[in-house]
Amino acid sequence: MKPANSVAQTAALRRSPGRPPVPVDVIVAAALQMVDEEGAEALTLRALAKRLESGTATIYRRFASRAELIAQVVDRVLGEVELDAAAPSQLTWQESCLRAAHAVFDVLRRHKNIAPLLVTQVPTGPNAMAHQERLIAVLLDNGFPPRQAAMAYTTLGHYVLGFAMQLQYHRSVEPSNDAGFRGTLRSQFPATVAVADFLPTSLDAEFVFGAELIVRGLGQLLENPEPTRLAEAQCARRQSS
């Protein structure tokens, strides 16, 4: 026969089943909202549990770690990327690259605080893999060798991410129209004064220009795949350091 106190404890446990489980989608949505409102660094399991009015154990039942949770948050965001309705075969590879870059950048603009989470780990969720597969297939189908297709994809992706990182801090700055200031600089920095009407540039204008520049460069690479001597020397130097 069990002691009376043991029976009482068992009965109490049966009456207290603990906190109810929280669906994965609810946890991921709350985590994304926290990142959007407070920034990536604010996303801790303890803070998230408090927002959900639950305990960290509730989250650990669904996710083994913060990294696993972040992976799903990132993939939720990438699921918002709208793939072009036109089939890849109806677009040039250049159009596919540019549209993909702009589509991802537009989503990261809506979620300005997500970019740091993309730096900490390579996205491998189902939405991320679908976008990757689509664009790499376009590059391969248009004559890019596998290594160059991989480099083209990652270069374009890192370009988008680099601009997305700036979205948290970028502020519009109007060009200076101070004639006296320009006159002071003219003798020391004549080239800068010559383009002063166009400086500083907007982040959007820079993004459009740079994306176009990358795609045009890829076109040149496709026509002449041999690396330049400078590129070979730089790769060799970095690999040896």
C-alpha atoms as a PDB file:
ATOM      1  CA  MET A   1       0.000   0.000   0.000  1.00  0.00           C
ATOM      2  CA  LYS A   2       1.287   3.473  -0.916  1.00  0.00           C
ATOM      3  CA  PRO A   3       1.804   6.006   1.880  1.00  0.00           C
ATOM      4  CA  ALA A   4      -0.948   8.628   2.231  1.00  0.00           C
ATOM      5  CA  ASN A   5       1.339  11.484   1.152  1.00  0.00           C
ATOM      6  CA  SER A   6       2.329   9.568  -2.034  1.00  0.00           C
ATOM      7  CA  VAL A   7      -1.309   9.026  -2.927  1.00  0.00           C
ATOM      8  CA  ALA A   8      -2.005  12.728  -2.367  1.00  0.00           C
ATOM      9  CA  GLN A   9       0.909  13.765  -4.606  1.00  0.00           C
ATOM     10  CA  THR A  10      -0.262  11.438  -7.386  1.00  0.00           C
ATOM     11  CA  ALA A  11      -3.758  12.863  -7.198  1.00  0.00           C
ATOM     12  CA  ALA A  12      -2.400  16.418  -7.321  1.00  0.00           C
ATOM     13  CA  LEU A  13      -0.368  15.616 -10.436  1.00  0.00           C
ATOM     14  CA  ARG A  14      -3.424  14.187 -12.125  1.00  0.00           C
ATOM     15  CA  ARG A  15      -5.366  17.346 -11.327  1.00  0.00           C
ATOM     16  CA  SER A  16      -2.540  19.584 -12.696  1.00  0.00           C
ATOM     17  CA  PRO A  17      -1.730  18.501 -16.268  1.00  0.00           C
ATOM     18  CA  GLY A  18       0.484  21.572 -16.816  1.00  0.00           C
ATOM     19  CA  ARG A  19       0.216  24.289 -19.420  1.00  0.00           C
ATOM     20  CA  PRO A  20      -1.652  23.405 -22.596  1.00  0.00           C
ATOM     21  CA  PRO A  21       0.508  22.841 -25.706  1.00  0.00           C
ATOM     22  CA  VAL A  22       0.971  25.770 -28.088  1.00  0.00           C
ATOM     23  CA  PRO A  23       0.827  25.017 -31.840  1.00  0.00           C
ATOM     24  CA  VAL A  24       4.061  25.451 -33.783  1.00  0.00           C
ATOM     25  CA  ASP A  25       2.497  28.032 -36.106  1.00  0.00           C
ATOM     26  CA  VAL A  26       1.459  30.167 -33.142  1.00  0.00           C
ATOM     27  CA  ILE A  27       4.969  30.062 -31.663  1.00  0.00           C
ATOM     28  CA  VAL A  28       6.611  30.949 -34.994  1.00  0.00           C
ATOM     29  CA  ALA A  29       4.146  33.790 -35.631  1.00  0.00           C
ATOM     30  CA  ALA A  30       4.776  35.229 -32.167  1.00  0.00           C
ATOM     31  CA  ALA A  31       8.538  34.939 -32.637  1.00  0.00           C
ATOM     32  CA  LEU A  32       8.355  36.761 -35.976  1.00  0.00           C
ATOM     33  CA  GLN A  33       6.210  39.494 -34.447  1.00  0.00           C
ATOM     34  CA  MET A  34       8.763  39.903 -31.665  1.00  0.00           C
ATOM     35  CA  VAL A  35      11.631  40.245 -34.155  1.00  0.00           C
ATOM     36  CA  ASP A  36       9.635  42.747 -36.237  1.00  0.00           C
ATOM     37  CA  GLU A  37       8.793  44.868 -33.201  1.00  0.00           C
ATOM     38  CA  GLU A  38      11.895  44.551 -31.022  1.00  0.00           C
ATOM     39  CA  GLY A  39      14.738  43.255 -33.190  1.00  0.00           C
ATOM     40  CA  ALA A  40      16.501  39.928 -33.620  1.00  0.00           C
ATOM     41  CA  GLU A  41      18.446  40.188 -30.358  1.00  0.00           C
ATOM     42  CA  ALA A  42      15.199  40.424 -28.384  1.00  0.00           C
ATOM     43  CA  LEU A  43      14.171  36.940 -29.470  1.00  0.00           C
ATOM     44  CA  THR A  44      14.965  34.710 -26.506  1.00  0.00           C
ATOM     45  CA  LEU A  45      12.958  31.670 -25.515  1.00  0.00           C
ATOM     46  CA  ARG A  46      12.219  33.192 -22.128  1.00  0.00           C
ATOM     47  CA  ALA A  47      10.930  36.438 -23.645  1.00  0.00           C
ATOM     48  CA  LEU A  48       8.918  34.529 -26.231  1.00  0.00           C
ATOM     49  CA  ALA A  49       7.353  32.335 -23.552  1.00  0.00           C
ATOM     50  CA  LYS A  50       6.338  35.447 -21.632  1.00  0.00           C
ATOM     51  CA  ARG A  51       4.711  36.897 -24.758  1.00  0.00           C
ATOM     52  CA  LEU A  52       2.809  33.638 -25.225  1.00  0.00           C
ATOM     53  CA  GLU A  53       1.840  33.688 -21.533  1.00  0.00           C
ATOM     54  CA  SER A  54       3.427  30.294 -21.175  1.00  0.00           C
ATOM     55  CA  GLY A  55       6.675  28.719 -20.007  1.00  0.00           C
ATOM     56  CA  THR A  56       9.910  27.894 -21.803  1.00  0.00           C
ATOM     57  CA  ALA A  57       9.109  24.208 -21.431  1.00  0.00           C
ATOM     58  CA  THR A  58       6.160  24.765 -23.775  1.00  0.00           C
ATOM     59  CA  ILE A  59       8.545  26.021 -26.474  1.00  0.00           C
ATOM     60  CA  TYR A  60      11.105  23.281 -25.868  1.00  0.00           C
ATOM     61  CA  ARG A  61       8.410  20.721 -26.543  1.00  0.00           C
ATOM     62  CA  ARG A  62       8.315  22.058 -30.121  1.00  0.00           C
ATOM     63  CA  PHE A  63      11.878  23.275 -30.707  1.00  0.00           C
ATOM     64  CA  ALA A  64      15.123  21.772 -29.485  1.00  0.00           C
ATOM     65  CA  SER A  65      16.923  25.142 -29.503  1.00  0.00           C
ATOM     66  CA  ARG A  66      16.688  28.828 -30.373  1.00  0.00           C
ATOM     67  CA  ALA A  67      18.518  28.060 -33.627  1.00  0.00           C
ATOM     68  CA  GLU A  68      15.796  25.619 -34.648  1.00  0.00           C
ATOM     69  CA  LEU A  69      13.139  28.218 -33.899  1.00  0.00           C
ATOM     70  CA  ILE A  70      15.025  30.874 -35.882  1.00  0.00           C
ATOM     71  CA  ALA A  71      15.237  28.527 -38.863  1.00  0.00           C
ATOM     72  CA  GLN A  72      11.454  28.270 -38.954  1.00  0.00           C
ATOM     73  CA  VAL A  73      10.984  32.018 -38.466  1.00  0.00           C
ATOM     74  CA  VAL A  74      13.308  32.726 -41.395  1.00  0.00           C
ATOM     75  CA  ASP A  75      11.537  30.202 -43.589  1.00  0.00           C
ATOM     76  CA  ARG A  76       8.174  31.728 -42.658  1.00  0.00           C
ATOM     77  CA  VAL A  77       9.458  35.077 -43.964  1.00  0.00           C
ATOM     78  CA  LEU A  78      10.851  33.524 -47.136  1.00  0.00           C
ATOM     79  CA  GLY A  79       7.441  31.982 -47.675  1.00  0.00           C
ATOM     80  CA  GLU A  80       6.167  35.513 -48.281  1.00  0.00           C
ATOM     81  CA  VAL A  81       8.392  35.889 -51.340  1.00  0.00           C
ATOM     82  CA  GLU A  82       6.104  35.964 -54.347  1.00  0.00           C
ATOM     83  CA  LEU A  83       7.537  33.910 -57.167  1.00  0.00           C
ATOM     84  CA  ASP A  84       6.892  35.336 -60.600  1.00  0.00           C
ATOM     85  CA  ALA A  85       3.720  33.904 -62.081  1.00  0.00           C
ATOM     86  CA  ALA A  86       5.470  33.477 -65.417  1.00  0.00           C
ATOM     87  CA  ALA A  87       7.212  30.157 -65.886  1.00  0.00           C
ATOM     88  CA  PRO A  88      11.039  30.424 -65.937  1.00  0.00           C
ATOM     89  CA  SER A  89      10.978  29.314 -69.574  1.00  0.00           C
ATOM     90  CA  GLN A  90       9.019  32.469 -70.435  1.00  0.00           C
ATOM     91  CA  LEU A  91      11.684  34.751 -68.964  1.00  0.00           C
ATOM     92  CA  THR A  92      15.304  35.328 -69.813  1.00  0.00           C
ATOM     93  CA  TRP A  93      17.717  34.142 -67.140  1.00  0.00           C
ATOM     94  CA  GLN A  94      18.588  37.794 -66.512  1.00  0.00           C
ATOM     95  CA  GLU A  95      14.929  38.620 -65.822  1.00  0.00           C
ATOM     96  CA  SER A  96      14.627  35.616 -63.514  1.00  0.00           C
ATOM     97  CA  CYS A  97      17.670  36.716 -61.496  1.00  0.00           C
ATOM     98  CA  LEU A  98      16.550  40.325 -61.188  1.00  0.00           C
ATOM     99  CA  ARG A  99      12.947  39.490 -60.331  1.00  0.00           C
ATOM    100  CA  ALA A 100      14.061  37.007 -57.693  1.00  0.00           C
ATOM    101  CA  ALA A 101      16.446  39.537 -56.138  1.00  0.00           C
ATOM    102  CA  HIS A 102      13.789  42.251 -56.018  1.00  0.00           C
ATOM    103  CA  ALA A 103      11.153  39.871 -54.642  1.00  0.00           C
ATOM    104  CA  VAL A 104      13.368  38.797 -51.746  1.00  0.00           C
ATOM    105  CA  PHE A 105      14.481  42.370 -51.044  1.00  0.00           C
ATOM    106  CA  ASP A 106      10.859  43.545 -50.941  1.00  0.00           C
ATOM    107  CA  VAL A 107      10.018  40.933 -48.309  1.00  0.00           C
ATOM    108  CA  LEU A 108      13.089  41.768 -46.233  1.00  0.00           C
ATOM    109  CA  ARG A 109      12.075  45.411 -46.412  1.00  0.00           C
ATOM    110  CA  ARG A 110       8.784  44.471 -44.731  1.00  0.00           C
ATOM    111  CA  HIS A 111      10.726  42.589 -42.062  1.00  0.00           C
ATOM    112  CA  LYS A 112      13.720  44.882 -41.559  1.00  0.00           C
ATOM    113  CA  ASN A 113      14.960  43.083 -38.450  1.00  0.00           C
ATOM    114  CA  ILE A 114      15.125  39.617 -39.999  1.00  0.00           C
ATOM    115  CA  ALA A 115      18.361  40.097 -41.969  1.00  0.00           C
ATOM    116  CA  PRO A 116      20.708  39.462 -38.980  1.00  0.00           C
ATOM    117  CA  LEU A 117      19.090  36.054 -38.531  1.00  0.00           C
ATOM    118  CA  LEU A 118      19.940  35.189 -42.140  1.00  0.00           C
ATOM    119  CA  VAL A 119      23.597  35.864 -41.374  1.00  0.00           C
ATOM    120  CA  THR A 120      23.819  33.403 -38.486  1.00  0.00           C
ATOM    121  CA  GLN A 121      22.750  30.335 -40.476  1.00  0.00           C
ATOM    122  CA  VAL A 122      22.170  29.298 -44.077  1.00  0.00           C
ATOM    123  CA  PRO A 123      18.406  28.975 -44.705  1.00  0.00           C
ATOM    124  CA  THR A 124      17.495  25.373 -45.502  1.00  0.00           C
ATOM    125  CA  GLY A 125      13.751  25.345 -44.891  1.00  0.00           C
ATOM    126  CA  PRO A 126      11.285  24.252 -47.569  1.00  0.00           C
ATOM    127  CA  ASN A 127      10.596  27.794 -48.812  1.00  0.00           C
ATOM    128  CA  ALA A 128      14.295  28.667 -48.955  1.00  0.00           C
ATOM    129  CA  MET A 129      15.084  25.470 -50.833  1.00  0.00           C
ATOM    130  CA  ALA A 130      12.246  26.061 -53.314  1.00  0.00           C
ATOM    131  CA  HIS A 131      13.613  29.512 -54.220  1.00  0.00           C
ATOM    132  CA  GLN A 132      17.148  28.173 -54.461  1.00  0.00           C
ATOM    133  CA  GLU A 133      16.140  25.254 -56.665  1.00  0.00           C
ATOM    134  CA  ARG A 134      14.170  27.477 -59.013  1.00  0.00           C
ATOM    135  CA  LEU A 135      16.933  29.999 -59.651  1.00  0.00           C
ATOM    136  CA  ILE A 136      19.818  27.534 -59.859  1.00  0.00           C
ATOM    137  CA  ALA A 137      17.792  25.472 -62.347  1.00  0.00           C
ATOM    138  CA  VAL A 138      17.373  28.598 -64.485  1.00  0.00           C
ATOM    139  CA  LEU A 139      21.114  29.229 -64.462  1.00  0.00           C
ATOM    140  CA  LEU A 140      21.972  25.626 -65.318  1.00  0.00           C
ATOM    141  CA  ASP A 141      19.385  25.511 -68.093  1.00  0.00           C
ATOM    142  CA  ASN A 142      20.925  28.612 -69.647  1.00  0.00           C
ATOM    143  CA  GLY A 143      24.438  27.257 -69.927  1.00  0.00           C
ATOM    144  CA  PHE A 144      26.105  28.124 -66.635  1.00  0.00           C
ATOM    145  CA  PRO A 145      28.469  25.363 -65.487  1.00  0.00           C
ATOM    146  CA  PRO A 146      27.581  23.995 -62.016  1.00  0.00           C
ATOM    147  CA  ARG A 147      30.327  25.872 -60.164  1.00  0.00           C
ATOM    148  CA  GLN A 148      29.459  29.177 -61.794  1.00  0.00           C
ATOM    149  CA  ALA A 149      25.736  28.617 -61.236  1.00  0.00           C
ATOM    150  CA  ALA A 150      26.408  28.062 -57.541  1.00  0.00           C
ATOM    151  CA  MET A 151      28.635  31.144 -57.330  1.00  0.00           C
ATOM    152  CA  ALA A 152      26.131  33.269 -59.228  1.00  0.00           C
ATOM    153  CA  TYR A 153      23.299  32.211 -56.914  1.00  0.00           C
ATOM    154  CA  THR A 154      25.217  32.805 -53.688  1.00  0.00           C
ATOM    155  CA  THR A 155      26.697  36.096 -54.895  1.00  0.00           C
ATOM    156  CA  LEU A 156      23.261  37.458 -55.762  1.00  0.00           C
ATOM    157  CA  GLY A 157      21.868  36.190 -52.461  1.00  0.00           C
ATOM    158  CA  HIS A 158      24.624  37.810 -50.418  1.00  0.00           C
ATOM    159  CA  TYR A 159      24.174  41.033 -52.366  1.00  0.00           C
ATOM    160  CA  VAL A 160      20.483  41.136 -51.402  1.00  0.00           C
ATOM    161  CA  LEU A 161      21.297  40.285 -47.793  1.00  0.00           C
ATOM    162  CA  GLY A 162      23.941  42.997 -47.593  1.00  0.00           C
ATOM    163  CA  PHE A 163      21.444  45.639 -48.650  1.00  0.00           C
ATOM    164  CA  ALA A 164      18.783  44.190 -46.358  1.00  0.00           C
ATOM    165  CA  MET A 165      21.166  44.601 -43.408  1.00  0.00           C
ATOM    166  CA  GLN A 166      21.281  48.329 -44.126  1.00  0.00           C
ATOM    167  CA  LEU A 167      17.503  48.711 -43.962  1.00  0.00           C
ATOM    168  CA  GLN A 168      17.606  48.891 -40.160  1.00  0.00           C
ATOM    169  CA  TYR A 169      19.867  51.925 -40.171  1.00  0.00           C
ATOM    170  CA  HIS A 170      19.352  53.676 -43.502  1.00  0.00           C
ATOM    171  CA  ARG A 171      17.905  57.171 -43.505  1.00  0.00           C
ATOM    172  CA  SER A 172      17.183  59.268 -46.580  1.00  0.00           C
ATOM    173  CA  VAL A 173      19.734  62.055 -47.005  1.00  0.00           C
ATOM    174  CA  GLU A 174      19.181  64.944 -49.369  1.00  0.00           C
ATOM    175  CA  PRO A 175      22.079  66.184 -51.540  1.00  0.00           C
ATOM    176  CA  SER A 176      23.780  69.282 -50.259  1.00  0.00           C
ATOM    177  CA  ASN A 177      23.077  72.473 -52.208  1.00  0.00           C
ATOM    178  CA  ASP A 178      25.480  74.604 -50.198  1.00  0.00           C
ATOM    179  CA  ALA A 179      27.428  76.473 -52.907  1.00  0.00           C
ATOM    180  CA  GLY A 180      29.953  77.771 -50.391  1.00  0.00           C
ATOM    181  CA  PHE A 181      30.676  74.280 -49.121  1.00  0.00           C
ATOM    182  CA  ARG A 182      31.163  73.034 -52.676  1.00  0.00           C
ATOM    183  CA  GLY A 183      33.455  75.914 -53.451  1.00  0.00           C
ATOM    184  CA  THR A 184      35.623  75.006 -50.475  1.00  0.00           C
ATOM    185  CA  LEU A 185      35.911  71.415 -51.640  1.00  0.00           C
ATOM    186  CA  ARG A 186      36.358  72.110 -55.346  1.00  0.00           C
ATOM    187  CA  SER A 187      40.095  72.600 -55.216  1.00  0.00           C
ATOM    188  CA  GLN A 188      40.703  69.507 -53.051  1.00  0.00           C
ATOM    189  CA  PHE A 189      38.082  67.108 -54.387  1.00  0.00           C
ATOM    190  CA  PRO A 190      37.093  68.249 -57.887  1.00  0.00           C
ATOM    191  CA  ALA A 191      35.800  64.837 -58.961  1.00  0.00           C
ATOM    192  CA  THR A 192      33.505  64.605 -55.937  1.00  0.00           C
ATOM    193  CA  VAL A 193      32.165  68.102 -56.561  1.00  0.00           C
ATOM    194  CA  ALA A 194      31.490  67.165 -60.197  1.00  0.00           C
ATOM    195  CA  VAL A 195      29.028  64.467 -59.102  1.00  0.00           C
ATOM    196  CA  ALA A 196      27.749  66.215 -55.974  1.00  0.00           C
ATOM    197  CA  ASP A 197      24.261  66.643 -57.451  1.00  0.00           C
ATOM    198  CA  PHE A 198      23.886  62.861 -57.357  1.00  0.00           C
ATOM    199  CA  LEU A 199      25.353  62.207 -53.900  1.00  0.00           C
ATOM    200  CA  PRO A 200      24.357  60.670 -51.619  1.00  0.00           C
ATOM    201  CA  THR A 201      22.349  58.125 -53.566  1.00  0.00           C
ATOM    202  CA  SER A 202      19.245  56.402 -52.261  1.00  0.00           C
ATOM    203  CA  LEU A 203      19.469  52.825 -51.048  1.00  0.00           C
ATOM    204  CA  ASP A 204      16.827  51.763 -53.570  1.00  0.00           C
ATOM    205  CA  ALA A 205      18.721  53.334 -56.479  1.00  0.00           C
ATOM    206  CA  GLU A 206      21.935  51.634 -55.363  1.00  0.00           C
ATOM    207  CA  PHE A 207      20.175  48.279 -55.095  1.00  0.00           C
ATOM    208  CA  VAL A 208      18.694  48.503 -58.587  1.00  0.00           C
ATOM    209  CA  PHE A 209      21.994  49.637 -60.077  1.00  0.00           C
ATOM    210  CA  GLY A 210      24.056  46.978 -58.333  1.00  0.00           C
ATOM    211  CA  ALA A 211      21.700  44.115 -59.145  1.00  0.00           C
ATOM    212  CA  GLU A 212      21.755  45.098 -62.799  1.00  0.00           C
ATOM    213  CA  LEU A 213      25.536  45.330 -62.671  1.00  0.00           C
ATOM    214  CA  ILE A 214      25.854  41.818 -61.229  1.00  0.00           C
ATOM    215  CA  VAL A 215      23.528  40.306 -63.826  1.00  0.00           C
ATOM    216  CA  ARG A 216      25.309  42.028 -66.696  1.00  0.00           C
ATOM    217  CA  GLY A 217      28.612  40.810 -65.308  1.00  0.00           C
ATOM    218  CA  LEU A 218      27.256  37.268 -65.184  1.00  0.00           C
ATOM    219  CA  GLY A 219      26.361  37.633 -68.843  1.00  0.00           C
ATOM    220  CA  GLN A 220      29.948  38.533 -69.645  1.00  0.00           C
ATOM    221  CA  LEU A 221      31.144  35.590 -67.566  1.00  0.00           C
ATOM    222  CA  LEU A 222      28.861  33.238 -69.467  1.00  0.00           C
ATOM    223  CA  GLU A 223      30.428  34.383 -72.738  1.00  0.00           C
ATOM    224  CA  ASN A 224      33.977  34.168 -71.401  1.00  0.00           C
ATOM    225  CA  PRO A 225      34.121  31.746 -68.456  1.00  0.00           C
ATOM    226  CA  GLU A 226      37.887  31.876 -68.010  1.00  0.00           C
ATOM    227  CA  PRO A 227      38.744  33.768 -64.803  1.00  0.00           C
ATOM    228  CA  THR A 228      40.946  36.834 -65.131  1.00  0.00           C
ATOM    229  CA  ARG A 229      44.525  36.672 -63.896  1.00  0.00           C
ATOM    230  CA  LEU A 230      43.611  39.103 -61.123  1.00  0.00           C
ATOM    231  CA  ALA A 231      40.750  36.893 -59.927  1.00  0.00           C
ATOM    232  CA  GLU A 232      42.975  33.834 -59.905  1.00  0.00           C
ATOM    233  CA  ALA A 233      45.679  35.683 -57.969  1.00  0.00           C
ATOM    234  CA  GLN A 234      43.200  36.975 -55.373  1.00  0.00           C
ATOM    235  CA  CYS A 235      41.711  33.484 -54.833  1.00  0.00           C
ATOM    236  CA  ALA A 236      45.161  31.955 -54.459  1.00  0.00           C
ATOM    237  CA  ARG A 237      46.257  34.643 -51.996  1.00  0.00           C
ATOM    238  CA  ARG A 238      43.160  34.251 -49.792  1.00  0.00           C
ATOM    239  CA  GLN A 239      43.356  30.470 -49.814  1.00  0.00           C
ATOM    240  CA  SER A 240      46.979  30.556 -48.693  1.00  0.00           C
ATOM    241  CA  SER A 241      46.404  33.089 -45.889  1.00  0.00           C
END
